[in-house]
């Protein structure tokens, strides 16, 4: 009986060792993937900051004004002036549609009032 118990214990230890070995390598693989993803995120953030800087450079008001002047014949763009803008109270918004209920629906058949 002791031999069977020793064999079962030995097999359990081997099984747990094998499981721990596999979990260790799986964890290391996930850590490598995480590092790679973090590097990709960092590179994407750098690219995004470069794109934002380029966008800000290309959208300089003086540059846009010059482009509008240069391409006036083909585009017909006029420079923006402060008097071209309106106020919010001058905007006409559509009236909201009125909600029409055609049929009533009974929600509950229970009488919740306490009766004396």
N, C-alpha and C. Protein backbone atom coordinates (compact mmCIF):
# COMPACT_ATOMS: atom_id res chain seq x y z
N UNK A 1 0.82 -1.19 0.00
CA UNK A 1 0.00 0.00 0.00
C UNK A 1 0.87 1.26 0.00
N UNK A 2 1.98 1.19 0.77
CA UNK A 2 2.88 2.34 0.81
C UNK A 2 3.48 2.60 -0.56
N UNK A 3 3.78 1.56 -1.29
CA UNK A 3 4.39 1.70 -2.61
C UNK A 3 3.43 2.42 -3.56
N UNK A 4 2.15 2.07 -3.49
CA UNK A 4 1.15 2.72 -4.32
C UNK A 4 1.03 4.20 -3.96
N UNK A 5 1.07 4.51 -2.68
CA UNK A 5 0.99 5.90 -2.22
C UNK A 5 2.22 6.68 -2.68
N UNK A 6 3.40 6.07 -2.56
CA UNK A 6 4.64 6.72 -3.02
C UNK A 6 4.60 6.97 -4.54
N UNK A 7 4.11 6.00 -5.28
CA UNK A 7 4.04 6.14 -6.74
C UNK A 7 3.06 7.24 -7.12
N UNK A 8 1.91 7.28 -6.44
CA UNK A 8 0.92 8.32 -6.73
C UNK A 8 1.47 9.69 -6.38
N UNK A 9 2.17 9.79 -5.25
CA UNK A 9 2.76 11.07 -4.85
C UNK A 9 3.84 11.50 -5.85
N UNK A 10 4.64 10.56 -6.28
CA UNK A 10 5.69 10.85 -7.26
C UNK A 10 5.08 11.31 -8.57
N UNK A 11 4.04 10.64 -9.04
CA UNK A 11 3.36 11.05 -10.27
C UNK A 11 2.74 12.43 -10.12
N UNK A 12 2.16 12.72 -8.96
CA UNK A 12 1.57 14.04 -8.72
C UNK A 12 2.64 15.12 -8.76
N UNK A 13 3.80 14.83 -8.16
CA UNK A 13 4.89 15.80 -8.17
C UNK A 13 5.39 16.03 -9.59
N UNK A 14 5.55 14.95 -10.37
CA UNK A 14 5.98 15.09 -11.75
C UNK A 14 4.95 15.89 -12.56
N UNK A 15 3.68 15.59 -12.34
CA UNK A 15 2.62 16.31 -13.05
C UNK A 15 2.63 17.79 -12.72
N UNK A 16 2.77 18.12 -11.43
CA UNK A 16 2.82 19.52 -11.03
C UNK A 16 4.07 20.22 -11.55
N UNK A 17 5.18 19.49 -11.58
CA UNK A 17 6.42 20.08 -12.12
C UNK A 17 6.26 20.37 -13.61
N UNK A 18 5.65 19.42 -14.35
CA UNK A 18 5.42 19.64 -15.77
C UNK A 18 4.49 20.83 -15.99
N UNK A 19 3.42 20.94 -15.20
CA UNK A 19 2.48 22.06 -15.30
C UNK A 19 3.19 23.38 -15.00
N UNK A 20 4.01 23.42 -13.95
CA UNK A 20 4.73 24.64 -13.60
C UNK A 20 5.71 25.03 -14.70
N UNK A 21 6.37 24.05 -15.30
CA UNK A 21 7.30 24.28 -16.40
C UNK A 21 6.58 24.93 -17.58
N UNK A 22 5.42 24.39 -17.95
CA UNK A 22 4.65 24.94 -19.07
C UNK A 22 4.12 26.33 -18.74
N UNK A 23 3.65 26.55 -17.53
CA UNK A 23 3.14 27.87 -17.15
C UNK A 23 4.25 28.90 -17.16
N UNK A 24 5.46 28.50 -16.75
CA UNK A 24 6.60 29.41 -16.76
C UNK A 24 6.89 29.89 -18.18
N UNK A 25 6.94 28.96 -19.12
CA UNK A 25 7.23 29.35 -20.50
C UNK A 25 6.08 30.12 -21.13
N UNK A 26 4.85 29.78 -20.77
CA UNK A 26 3.70 30.54 -21.28
C UNK A 26 3.74 31.98 -20.75
N UNK A 27 4.12 32.14 -19.48
CA UNK A 27 4.23 33.47 -18.89
C UNK A 27 5.33 34.27 -19.56
N UNK A 28 6.46 33.64 -19.82
CA UNK A 28 7.55 34.33 -20.50
C UNK A 28 7.15 34.76 -21.90
N UNK A 29 6.39 33.92 -22.60
CA UNK A 29 5.92 34.27 -23.94
C UNK A 29 4.97 35.47 -23.88
N UNK A 30 4.07 35.48 -22.92
CA UNK A 30 3.15 36.60 -22.78
C UNK A 30 3.91 37.88 -22.43
N UNK A 31 4.92 37.79 -21.60
CA UNK A 31 5.73 38.97 -21.27
C UNK A 31 6.46 39.51 -22.49
N UNK A 32 6.97 38.61 -23.36
CA UNK A 32 7.62 39.05 -24.59
C UNK A 32 6.62 39.76 -25.51
N UNK A 33 5.43 39.19 -25.63
CA UNK A 33 4.39 39.81 -26.46
C UNK A 33 3.99 41.18 -25.89
N UNK A 34 3.92 41.27 -24.58
CA UNK A 34 3.57 42.54 -23.94
C UNK A 34 4.63 43.59 -24.22
N UNK A 35 5.89 43.22 -24.11
CA UNK A 35 6.97 44.16 -24.42
C UNK A 35 6.91 44.62 -25.87
N UNK A 36 6.63 43.69 -26.77
CA UNK A 36 6.52 44.04 -28.19
C UNK A 36 5.36 45.00 -28.43
N UNK A 37 4.23 44.74 -27.78
CA UNK A 37 3.09 45.63 -27.91
C UNK A 37 3.39 47.01 -27.34
N UNK A 38 4.08 47.05 -26.22
CA UNK A 38 4.44 48.34 -25.64
C UNK A 38 5.37 49.12 -26.56
N UNK A 39 6.27 48.43 -27.23
CA UNK A 39 7.15 49.10 -28.19
C UNK A 39 6.35 49.62 -29.38
N UNK A 40 5.38 48.84 -29.83
CA UNK A 40 4.54 49.30 -30.93
C UNK A 40 3.71 50.51 -30.53
N UNK A 41 3.19 50.49 -29.30
CA UNK A 41 2.41 51.64 -28.81
C UNK A 41 3.29 52.87 -28.73
N UNK A 42 4.51 52.71 -28.23
CA UNK A 42 5.43 53.84 -28.16
C UNK A 42 5.75 54.41 -29.54
N UNK A 43 5.98 53.52 -30.51
CA UNK A 43 6.26 53.98 -31.87
C UNK A 43 5.04 54.68 -32.46
N UNK A 44 3.85 54.16 -32.18
CA UNK A 44 2.63 54.80 -32.69
C UNK A 44 2.44 56.17 -32.06
N UNK A 45 2.76 56.32 -30.78
CA UNK A 45 2.65 57.62 -30.13
C UNK A 45 3.63 58.62 -30.72
N UNK A 46 4.83 58.15 -31.05
CA UNK A 46 5.81 59.05 -31.68
C UNK A 46 5.30 59.48 -33.05
N UNK A 47 4.79 58.52 -33.84
CA UNK A 47 4.24 58.85 -35.15
C UNK A 47 3.08 59.83 -35.03
N UNK A 48 2.23 59.61 -34.03
CA UNK A 48 1.08 60.50 -33.82
C UNK A 48 1.53 61.91 -33.47
N UNK A 49 2.54 62.03 -32.64
CA UNK A 49 3.02 63.37 -32.28
C UNK A 49 3.64 64.06 -33.50
N UNK A 50 4.33 63.30 -34.37
CA UNK A 50 4.88 63.88 -35.59
C UNK A 50 3.75 64.33 -36.51
N UNK A 51 2.71 63.50 -36.64
CA UNK A 51 1.57 63.87 -37.49
C UNK A 51 0.86 65.10 -36.95
N UNK A 52 0.72 65.19 -35.64
CA UNK A 52 0.08 66.39 -35.06
C UNK A 52 0.91 67.64 -35.33
N UNK A 53 2.23 67.50 -35.23
CA UNK A 53 3.10 68.64 -35.51
C UNK A 53 3.00 69.04 -36.98
N UNK A 54 2.97 68.06 -37.88
CA UNK A 54 2.82 68.37 -39.30
C UNK A 54 1.47 69.03 -39.58
N UNK A 55 0.42 68.52 -38.94
CA UNK A 55 -0.92 69.10 -39.12
C UNK A 55 -0.94 70.55 -38.64
N UNK A 56 -0.34 70.82 -37.51
CA UNK A 56 -0.29 72.19 -37.01
C UNK A 56 0.51 73.08 -37.95
N UNK A 57 1.60 72.55 -38.50
CA UNK A 57 2.43 73.32 -39.43
C UNK A 57 1.66 73.62 -40.71
N UNK A 58 0.95 72.62 -41.24
CA UNK A 58 0.23 72.82 -42.49
C UNK A 58 -1.01 73.69 -42.34
N UNK A 59 -1.55 73.77 -41.14
CA UNK A 59 -2.77 74.55 -40.91
C UNK A 59 -2.49 75.92 -40.32
N UNK A 60 -1.30 76.44 -40.53
CA UNK A 60 -1.01 77.79 -40.07
C UNK A 60 -1.92 78.77 -40.80
N UNK A 61 -2.51 79.73 -40.11
CA UNK A 61 -3.43 80.66 -40.76
C UNK A 61 -2.79 81.43 -41.92
N UNK A 62 -1.54 81.86 -41.74
CA UNK A 62 -0.89 82.61 -42.82
C UNK A 62 -0.71 81.74 -44.06
N UNK A 63 -0.34 80.48 -43.88
CA UNK A 63 -0.16 79.56 -45.01
C UNK A 63 -1.49 79.34 -45.72
N UNK A 64 -2.56 79.11 -44.96
CA UNK A 64 -3.87 78.89 -45.56
C UNK A 64 -4.34 80.13 -46.30
N UNK A 65 -4.08 81.29 -45.73
CA UNK A 65 -4.45 82.54 -46.38
C UNK A 65 -3.71 82.69 -47.71
N UNK A 66 -2.41 82.38 -47.69
CA UNK A 66 -1.61 82.46 -48.92
C UNK A 66 -2.11 81.47 -49.97
N UNK A 67 -2.47 80.25 -49.54
CA UNK A 67 -2.98 79.25 -50.48
C UNK A 67 -4.31 79.69 -51.08
N UNK A 68 -5.17 80.30 -50.26
CA UNK A 68 -6.44 80.80 -50.77
C UNK A 68 -6.21 81.90 -51.78
N UNK A 69 -5.23 82.78 -51.54
CA UNK A 69 -4.92 83.85 -52.49
C UNK A 69 -4.35 83.29 -53.78
N UNK A 70 -3.44 82.32 -53.67
CA UNK A 70 -2.80 81.74 -54.86
C UNK A 70 -3.82 81.01 -55.73
N UNK A 71 -4.73 80.28 -55.10
CA UNK A 71 -5.69 79.46 -55.83
C UNK A 71 -7.06 80.10 -55.96
N UNK A 72 -7.13 81.41 -55.88
CA UNK A 72 -8.42 82.09 -55.94
C UNK A 72 -9.12 81.84 -57.28
N UNK A 73 -8.36 81.82 -58.37
CA UNK A 73 -8.96 81.65 -59.69
C UNK A 73 -9.64 80.28 -59.83
N UNK A 74 -9.00 79.24 -59.33
CA UNK A 74 -9.56 77.90 -59.50
C UNK A 74 -10.56 77.52 -58.41
N UNK A 75 -10.36 78.01 -57.18
CA UNK A 75 -11.22 77.61 -56.07
C UNK A 75 -12.26 78.66 -55.69
N UNK A 76 -11.93 79.90 -55.89
CA UNK A 76 -12.86 80.97 -55.52
C UNK A 76 -12.99 81.16 -54.02
N UNK A 77 -11.96 80.81 -53.28
CA UNK A 77 -12.02 80.95 -51.82
C UNK A 77 -11.72 82.39 -51.42
N UNK A 78 -12.50 82.89 -50.50
CA UNK A 78 -12.27 84.23 -49.98
C UNK A 78 -11.67 84.12 -48.59
N UNK A 79 -10.88 85.10 -48.19
CA UNK A 79 -10.33 85.04 -46.83
C UNK A 79 -11.43 85.20 -45.79
N UNK A 80 -11.23 84.56 -44.63
CA UNK A 80 -12.20 84.64 -43.55
C UNK A 80 -12.07 85.98 -42.84
N UNK A 81 -13.23 86.54 -42.53
CA UNK A 81 -13.28 87.79 -41.77
C UNK A 81 -14.20 87.59 -40.57
N UNK A 82 -14.00 88.37 -39.54
CA UNK A 82 -14.84 88.20 -38.35
C UNK A 82 -16.32 88.47 -38.61
N UNK A 83 -16.64 89.34 -39.55
CA UNK A 83 -18.05 89.65 -39.79
C UNK A 83 -18.77 88.56 -40.58
N UNK A 84 -18.05 87.51 -41.00
CA UNK A 84 -18.68 86.41 -41.71
C UNK A 84 -19.31 85.39 -40.76
N UNK A 85 -19.04 85.51 -39.51
CA UNK A 85 -19.56 84.55 -38.54
C UNK A 85 -20.84 85.10 -37.91
N UNK A 86 -21.74 84.20 -37.59
CA UNK A 86 -22.99 84.58 -36.94
C UNK A 86 -22.97 84.22 -35.47
N UNK A 87 -24.06 84.58 -34.81
CA UNK A 87 -24.23 84.25 -33.40
C UNK A 87 -25.11 83.01 -33.29
N UNK A 88 -25.04 82.36 -32.17
CA UNK A 88 -25.80 81.13 -31.98
C UNK A 88 -27.29 81.41 -31.99
N UNK A 89 -27.71 82.54 -31.45
CA UNK A 89 -29.14 82.84 -31.41
C UNK A 89 -29.71 83.17 -32.80
N UNK A 90 -28.86 83.34 -33.80
CA UNK A 90 -29.32 83.60 -35.15
C UNK A 90 -29.56 82.31 -35.94
N UNK A 91 -29.15 81.18 -35.40
CA UNK A 91 -29.33 79.90 -36.09
C UNK A 91 -30.75 79.43 -35.87
N UNK A 92 -31.42 79.06 -36.96
CA UNK A 92 -32.78 78.55 -36.84
C UNK A 92 -32.74 77.03 -36.77
N UNK A 93 -33.12 76.51 -35.65
CA UNK A 93 -33.16 75.06 -35.45
C UNK A 93 -34.56 74.55 -35.78
N UNK A 94 -34.67 73.35 -36.33
CA UNK A 94 -36.01 72.82 -36.63
C UNK A 94 -36.76 72.52 -35.34
N UNK A 95 -38.08 72.70 -35.42
CA UNK A 95 -38.93 72.42 -34.26
C UNK A 95 -38.96 70.91 -34.03
N UNK A 96 -38.89 70.48 -32.78
CA UNK A 96 -38.97 69.04 -32.52
C UNK A 96 -40.38 68.53 -32.84
N UNK A 97 -40.41 67.31 -33.36
CA UNK A 97 -41.69 66.71 -33.70
C UNK A 97 -42.46 66.39 -32.43
N UNK A 98 -43.76 66.59 -32.51
CA UNK A 98 -44.61 66.34 -31.36
C UNK A 98 -44.88 64.85 -31.26
N UNK A 99 -44.79 64.30 -30.06
CA UNK A 99 -45.01 62.89 -29.84
C UNK A 99 -46.50 62.62 -29.75
N UNK A 100 -46.99 61.80 -30.65
CA UNK A 100 -48.41 61.47 -30.68
C UNK A 100 -48.58 60.03 -30.24
N UNK A 101 -49.39 59.84 -29.20
CA UNK A 101 -49.66 58.49 -28.69
C UNK A 101 -51.01 58.08 -29.23
N UNK A 102 -51.03 57.00 -30.01
CA UNK A 102 -52.28 56.56 -30.64
C UNK A 102 -53.04 55.56 -29.77
N UNK A 103 -52.32 54.72 -29.06
CA UNK A 103 -52.97 53.73 -28.21
C UNK A 103 -52.31 53.71 -26.85
N UNK A 104 -53.10 53.57 -25.84
CA UNK A 104 -52.55 53.44 -24.50
C UNK A 104 -52.18 51.99 -24.23
N UNK A 105 -51.20 51.79 -23.37
CA UNK A 105 -50.76 50.45 -23.02
C UNK A 105 -50.85 50.32 -21.51
N UNK A 106 -51.50 49.27 -21.05
CA UNK A 106 -51.60 49.04 -19.61
C UNK A 106 -50.30 48.42 -19.14
N UNK A 107 -49.66 49.07 -18.18
CA UNK A 107 -48.36 48.62 -17.72
C UNK A 107 -48.50 47.54 -16.66
N UNK A 108 -49.39 47.73 -15.75
CA UNK A 108 -49.53 46.77 -14.66
C UNK A 108 -50.99 46.64 -14.30
N UNK A 109 -51.40 45.43 -14.03
CA UNK A 109 -52.77 45.20 -13.62
C UNK A 109 -52.92 45.16 -12.11
N UNK A 110 -51.82 45.34 -11.38
CA UNK A 110 -51.86 45.28 -9.93
C UNK A 110 -52.28 46.63 -9.36
N UNK A 111 -53.06 46.59 -8.33
CA UNK A 111 -53.45 47.81 -7.64
C UNK A 111 -52.48 47.96 -6.48
N UNK A 112 -51.62 48.95 -6.51
CA UNK A 112 -50.58 49.09 -5.50
C UNK A 112 -51.05 49.85 -4.27
N UNK A 113 -52.22 50.42 -4.32
CA UNK A 113 -52.72 51.13 -3.14
C UNK A 113 -53.26 50.12 -2.14
N UNK A 114 -52.98 50.41 -0.88
CA UNK A 114 -53.51 49.51 0.15
C UNK A 114 -54.97 49.85 0.39
N UNK A 115 -55.78 48.85 0.42
CA UNK A 115 -57.21 49.05 0.61
C UNK A 115 -57.56 48.78 2.08
N UNK A 116 -58.38 49.64 2.67
CA UNK A 116 -58.76 49.42 4.08
C UNK A 116 -59.72 48.28 4.28
